[in-house]
Amino acid sequence: ARTRLGTRGSRAGRDAHERGPARASAARVAAMDSEEAILRWLEPDESAASLLSRTLTDPVLTGIPFVDAHGAMRAGQLVEVCGVGGSGKTEILMQAAVNCALPREREGVRFGGCESSVLLLDLDGKFDTLRLLKILTARVEAALARESARRKHGAVSNASEEETANALVRLSDAVYRESVGRFQMVRCHNSLDFLKALAVVDKIFERRERDNAKATRETKERESTKNDGSDDGSAPPRRLLLVDNVAAFYWLDRASRREHDAPLSLHNVHHASAKALMDISRRCRAPVVATKAVASAAWFGVDKNANGAFEGSVDGNTVRNAHKDFLPPKWTSAVTQRLVLEPEPTFLSGEHSGYERADSGAETSVGAAKSSGDMIKNFQGRGGFGTSFVARWELPVGRPSARYRVDGEAGIRVVA
């Protein structure tokens, strides 16, 4: 018995002695893993050189008053413009693209552009290129008209009127070609196309900028012109990435995909796109402006109660509720600024039973309309909504709203 007890004791001692180093080794491995995890967490998102290059890049202006009034856009920003159909979301992208592609100044004529490379990813398939060219032509002609009037009244040149007109025509053609050369559009037919396009955005920007720089050098060598204020390529290029309707494939993907067997689930697609856009914005030093179409005003502006009547909190002349984002949280958290375009409601007297529009000359506040028994009957304009809209900044909070109209000729027009 003593022999058996001694044998058992010696075995237990050996086992404890063998387990001791194993436990110590496991503890050391766990400590190393936790240390590596801490070091990985402490790794910087970007270097100091990358931060300075991104923040010191010239900001980008859109040419839209209620957007530029709060400061220019910089790299690392993702601006979401959401609203119903016909509220001017794509029009905002067009005007931003034109303002960024135009030069600042050429031959003493100020065009007020940013000289930026512009890439638009068209997910909706409704981007009107002719409308873009029309806006560009109007901007160029307006700048040349101002310069022509200045030269005519100021007598700044000894050249004849015919020579001046010919010079302005040549300048118009050169600016038009230069601006169009900075714009490029990629059509995406599904979510996979969108992710593929995001993977090659860097190369698209670099190739277009390289081609434009080569064309500029050849033009200068051929015409032997001196410096006219154009970019000599020493400064980092300014860029702008536009996405028309980031939610274009959301409902299609939601209906067709299944989380358990789809190679790219609905959430994975939007997680990947949001991460890619933020990486591109920092890496390419390009602010991102993305539109998002909502199905109806019930998503963000005016809701109906069980009786079919419109309801919502009263703020000035608008009836609104909080914006409800239907995209996954990963996309929502990536948005740095959100501009909500709301239809301005039309108030009709309770005596009217049709869809007649209220008299614009007799404006009535929301409170007065409610007190007198007036009620909202209908919205007029494209898509059943009003021709007047309210641009409301939801993010960041505190920015003032602006009223505007979508004009077929003038585009976005701010109204008092």
Foldseek 3Di string as FASTA:
>chain_A
DVVVVVVVVVVVVVVVVVVVVVVVVVVVVVVVVVVVVVVVVVDDPDDPVLVCLQVVADFADQPDCLVPVVPGHWFLAEEEEEEAPPLQQLLSVLSRLLQALFDQDFPRFGLNHNNAQEEEEEAQPPRDVVLSLLVNLVSLVVSLVVVLVCCVVVVPDPDDNVVSVVVSVVVSVVRSVSSVLRYDYDYAHELVSLLVCLVCVVVVNVVSVVVSLVVVVVVCVVVVDDDGPDDNPPRQHEYAYEYEAPCNCLVVLVVPDDPPPDPQHSQNSLLSNLVSQSVCSSVNTYYYYYYHHDHDCCQWFWNADPVRFTAADFDKQGGTDHHDDPHDVSNVVSHQWYKYKAFRFFKDAPVDDDQDGDDPVDDDGPVRCVVRRIGTDWADDPPGHHQKIKIDIPHPPDRDIWIWGADSNPGTGTDD
